[in-house]
């Protein structure tokens, strides 16, 4: 690597009750800007499966798709941000992910997770053992270019400030509703900017 900027392949990780199709606008825009964009379908994505098992699907996709020495960047939306964090913090992703962008992710839980009794939803409740464990060593994410993008007008991440993390560079947008956070022009601009930032660390 001759410079402090690398245009890595980008992996998009969707949220609950979504598929990779939710990223159609973002994928097209990033491709247009010159990135090689990948995405996968987490199954099932209804909150019934533990997030650690969904993270294993991410790990499997990465191993099957990219050469072992290929660094990557990850964009995780909503639940996908927590799944991506588990991959990075627990499944070795820290050794290859250079930029991690979480969009409207419930790093400290969301009250909306009480509407579903599935294991994945229980893990996303405020104060859950899963999130406490994951947040215990969240400082590990300071090794990456870690950006958290969120909005006060989310209505799914409750409270919206649950998306804030001390280890992350914070980008707060005025975007109305959760789903628009992967489609709105200001979100797309913020993601592209975060993916373009020089790496603060080589690893």
Protein backbone atom coordinates (compact mmCIF):
# COMPACT_ATOMS: atom_id res chain seq x y z
CA UNK A 1 0.00 0.00 0.00
CA UNK A 2 1.72 3.17 -1.16
CA UNK A 3 -0.65 5.74 0.29
CA UNK A 4 -2.87 6.16 3.32
CA UNK A 5 -6.00 5.74 1.17
CA UNK A 6 -7.19 2.46 -0.22
CA UNK A 7 -10.45 1.81 -2.04
CA UNK A 8 -11.28 -1.52 -0.46
CA UNK A 9 -14.17 -3.78 -1.48
CA UNK A 10 -17.25 -2.82 0.53
CA UNK A 11 -19.56 -5.34 2.18
CA UNK A 12 -23.11 -4.16 3.01
CA UNK A 13 -24.85 -5.96 5.90
CA UNK A 14 -28.62 -5.41 6.20
CA UNK A 15 -30.88 -5.22 9.22
CA UNK A 16 -33.86 -7.03 10.68
CA UNK A 17 -36.63 -8.15 8.32
CA UNK A 18 -34.58 -6.82 5.43
CA UNK A 19 -32.65 -8.37 2.56
CA UNK A 20 -29.70 -7.02 0.62
CA UNK A 21 -32.22 -5.32 -1.69
CA UNK A 22 -32.59 -2.52 0.86
CA UNK A 23 -29.15 -1.40 -0.27
CA UNK A 24 -30.06 -1.08 -3.96
CA UNK A 25 -29.76 2.73 -3.98
CA UNK A 26 -26.58 2.76 -1.88
CA UNK A 27 -24.97 -0.05 -3.85
CA UNK A 28 -25.65 1.69 -7.15
CA UNK A 29 -24.27 4.98 -5.87
CA UNK A 30 -21.09 3.49 -4.42
CA UNK A 31 -20.52 1.45 -7.58
CA UNK A 32 -20.92 4.63 -9.62
CA UNK A 33 -18.27 6.27 -7.42
CA UNK A 34 -15.82 3.44 -8.07
CA UNK A 35 -16.22 0.98 -5.22
CA UNK A 36 -16.62 -2.77 -5.66
CA UNK A 37 -19.75 -3.46 -3.62
CA UNK A 38 -20.86 -6.78 -2.13
CA UNK A 39 -23.87 -7.77 -0.03
CA UNK A 40 -25.40 -10.92 1.38
CA UNK A 41 -28.76 -12.08 2.69
CA UNK A 42 -28.73 -12.95 6.39
CA UNK A 43 -31.17 -15.80 6.98
CA UNK A 44 -33.40 -15.70 8.83
CA UNK A 45 -33.42 -11.95 9.43
CA UNK A 46 -36.60 -11.88 11.53
CA UNK A 47 -34.87 -11.61 14.89
CA UNK A 48 -35.34 -15.27 15.76
CA UNK A 49 -31.69 -16.28 15.30
CA UNK A 50 -28.91 -15.22 17.65
CA UNK A 51 -26.81 -12.37 16.29
CA UNK A 52 -23.63 -14.39 16.80
CA UNK A 53 -24.96 -16.95 14.31
CA UNK A 54 -25.76 -14.23 11.78
CA UNK A 55 -22.21 -12.94 12.29
CA UNK A 56 -20.93 -16.39 11.39
CA UNK A 57 -22.77 -16.01 8.07
CA UNK A 58 -20.88 -12.76 7.50
CA UNK A 59 -17.59 -14.47 8.36
CA UNK A 60 -18.40 -17.31 5.97
CA UNK A 61 -19.25 -14.89 3.17
CA UNK A 62 -16.03 -12.95 3.68
CA UNK A 63 -13.91 -16.13 3.62
CA UNK A 64 -15.66 -17.41 0.48
CA UNK A 65 -15.57 -14.10 -1.41
CA UNK A 66 -12.29 -12.34 -0.64
CA UNK A 67 -8.67 -13.46 -0.71
CA UNK A 68 -7.24 -13.97 2.81
CA UNK A 69 -4.94 -10.96 2.49
CA UNK A 70 -7.65 -8.65 1.05
CA UNK A 71 -8.69 -5.88 3.47
CA UNK A 72 -12.35 -4.88 3.33
CA UNK A 73 -14.70 -2.17 4.56
CA UNK A 74 -18.10 -2.94 6.07
CA UNK A 75 -21.31 -0.90 6.18
CA UNK A 76 -23.85 -2.33 8.63
CA UNK A 77 -27.41 -1.03 8.84
CA UNK A 78 -29.47 -1.34 12.02
CA UNK A 79 -29.17 -4.93 13.31
CA UNK A 80 -26.53 -5.41 10.61
CA UNK A 81 -24.29 -3.00 12.48
CA UNK A 82 -24.40 -5.16 15.60
CA UNK A 83 -23.91 -8.35 13.57
CA UNK A 84 -20.91 -6.71 11.90
CA UNK A 85 -19.51 -5.66 15.26
CA UNK A 86 -19.68 -9.25 16.48
CA UNK A 87 -17.82 -10.39 13.37
CA UNK A 88 -15.17 -7.71 13.90
CA UNK A 89 -14.82 -8.08 17.67
CA UNK A 90 -15.29 -11.83 18.10
CA UNK A 91 -14.71 -13.65 14.80
CA UNK A 92 -11.44 -12.17 13.59
CA UNK A 93 -12.81 -9.37 11.44
CA UNK A 94 -10.58 -6.91 13.30
CA UNK A 95 -7.66 -8.33 11.30
CA UNK A 96 -9.07 -7.41 7.89
CA UNK A 97 -11.76 -4.75 8.27
CA UNK A 98 -10.26 -1.27 7.91
CA UNK A 99 -13.33 0.94 7.78
CA UNK A 100 -16.57 0.11 9.60
CA UNK A 101 -19.67 2.25 9.19
CA UNK A 102 -22.71 1.57 11.36
CA UNK A 103 -25.95 3.23 10.26
CA UNK A 104 -28.76 3.57 12.83
CA UNK A 105 -27.47 0.62 14.85
CA UNK A 106 -28.68 -0.03 18.43
CA UNK A 107 -25.26 -0.22 20.08
CA UNK A 108 -26.92 0.32 23.44
CA UNK A 109 -30.17 -1.43 22.58
CA UNK A 110 -33.59 -0.32 21.40
CA UNK A 111 -36.95 -0.47 23.14
CA UNK A 112 -38.43 -1.60 19.81
CA UNK A 113 -36.77 -4.98 20.41
CA UNK A 114 -39.43 -5.72 23.05
CA UNK A 115 -41.99 -6.20 20.25
CA UNK A 116 -40.41 -9.56 19.34
CA UNK A 117 -39.36 -12.43 21.61
CA UNK A 118 -36.82 -13.96 19.24
CA UNK A 119 -33.28 -14.48 20.49
CA UNK A 120 -31.81 -11.82 18.21
CA UNK A 121 -34.36 -9.28 19.41
CA UNK A 122 -33.74 -10.13 23.06
CA UNK A 123 -30.05 -9.51 22.39
CA UNK A 124 -30.85 -6.01 21.08
CA UNK A 125 -32.80 -4.92 24.14
CA UNK A 126 -31.25 -2.21 26.33
CA UNK A 127 -29.06 -3.74 29.01
CA UNK A 128 -28.99 -7.21 27.42
CA UNK A 129 -26.15 -9.54 28.40
CA UNK A 130 -25.17 -9.73 24.72
CA UNK A 131 -24.73 -5.97 24.32
CA UNK A 132 -23.04 -5.60 27.70
CA UNK A 133 -20.48 -8.20 26.65
CA UNK A 134 -19.96 -6.65 23.21
CA UNK A 135 -19.62 -3.16 24.65
CA UNK A 136 -17.15 -4.28 27.31
CA UNK A 137 -14.31 -4.26 24.79
CA UNK A 138 -15.77 -1.80 22.27
CA UNK A 139 -12.52 0.18 22.52
CA UNK A 140 -11.13 -2.45 20.15
CA UNK A 141 -13.03 -0.63 17.41
CA UNK A 142 -10.78 2.39 17.88
CA UNK A 143 -8.20 0.47 15.84
CA UNK A 144 -10.45 0.93 12.79
CA UNK A 145 -11.92 3.88 11.00
CA UNK A 146 -15.25 3.46 12.80
CA UNK A 147 -18.12 5.81 11.95
CA UNK A 148 -21.62 5.80 13.45
CA UNK A 149 -24.29 7.54 11.36
CA UNK A 150 -27.65 8.22 13.03
CA UNK A 151 -30.66 10.53 13.20
CA UNK A 152 -32.90 11.83 15.97
CA UNK A 153 -35.86 11.06 13.67
CA UNK A 154 -35.30 7.32 13.56
CA UNK A 155 -38.35 5.89 15.39
CA UNK A 156 -36.96 2.32 15.36
CA UNK A 157 -33.80 2.86 17.38
CA UNK A 158 -35.32 4.04 20.66
CA UNK A 159 -33.79 6.14 22.02
CA UNK A 160 -32.06 7.27 18.83
CA UNK A 161 -28.95 8.19 20.85
CA UNK A 162 -28.39 4.46 21.36
CA UNK A 163 -26.45 4.70 18.09
CA UNK A 164 -23.79 6.83 19.79
CA UNK A 165 -20.49 5.20 20.77
CA UNK A 166 -17.37 6.76 22.22
CA UNK A 167 -15.19 4.59 19.95
CA UNK A 168 -16.85 5.99 16.82
CA UNK A 169 -16.69 9.15 14.81
CA UNK A 170 -20.24 10.42 15.02
CA UNK A 171 -22.22 11.69 12.02
CA UNK A 172 -25.67 12.94 12.99
CA UNK A 173 -28.08 13.57 10.13
CA UNK A 174 -31.53 15.16 9.83
CA UNK A 175 -33.10 12.22 8.00
CA UNK A 176 -36.71 11.25 8.69
CA UNK A 177 -37.34 7.56 9.49
CA UNK A 178 -35.12 4.54 9.92
CA UNK A 179 -35.46 3.05 6.42
CA UNK A 180 -34.50 6.32 4.73
CA UNK A 181 -31.08 6.16 6.39
CA UNK A 182 -29.87 3.85 3.63
CA UNK A 183 -31.50 5.83 0.80
CA UNK A 184 -31.35 9.53 1.61
CA UNK A 185 -28.79 11.58 -0.32
CA UNK A 186 -27.17 12.89 2.86
CA UNK A 187 -26.71 9.33 4.14
CA UNK A 188 -25.18 8.19 0.85
CA UNK A 189 -22.84 11.19 0.91
CA UNK A 190 -21.80 10.47 4.50
CA UNK A 191 -21.09 6.81 3.73
CA UNK A 192 -18.97 7.72 0.70
CA UNK A 193 -17.04 10.25 2.76
CA UNK A 194 -16.39 7.73 5.54
CA UNK A 195 -15.22 5.15 3.00
CA UNK A 196 -12.84 7.73 1.53
CA UNK A 197 -11.14 8.74 4.75
CA UNK A 198 -7.43 7.90 5.09
CA UNK A 199 -6.80 5.03 7.46
CA UNK A 200 -5.78 6.11 10.92
CA UNK A 201 -3.97 2.83 11.50
CA UNK A 202 -2.35 0.16 9.36
CA UNK A 203 -3.01 -3.39 10.52
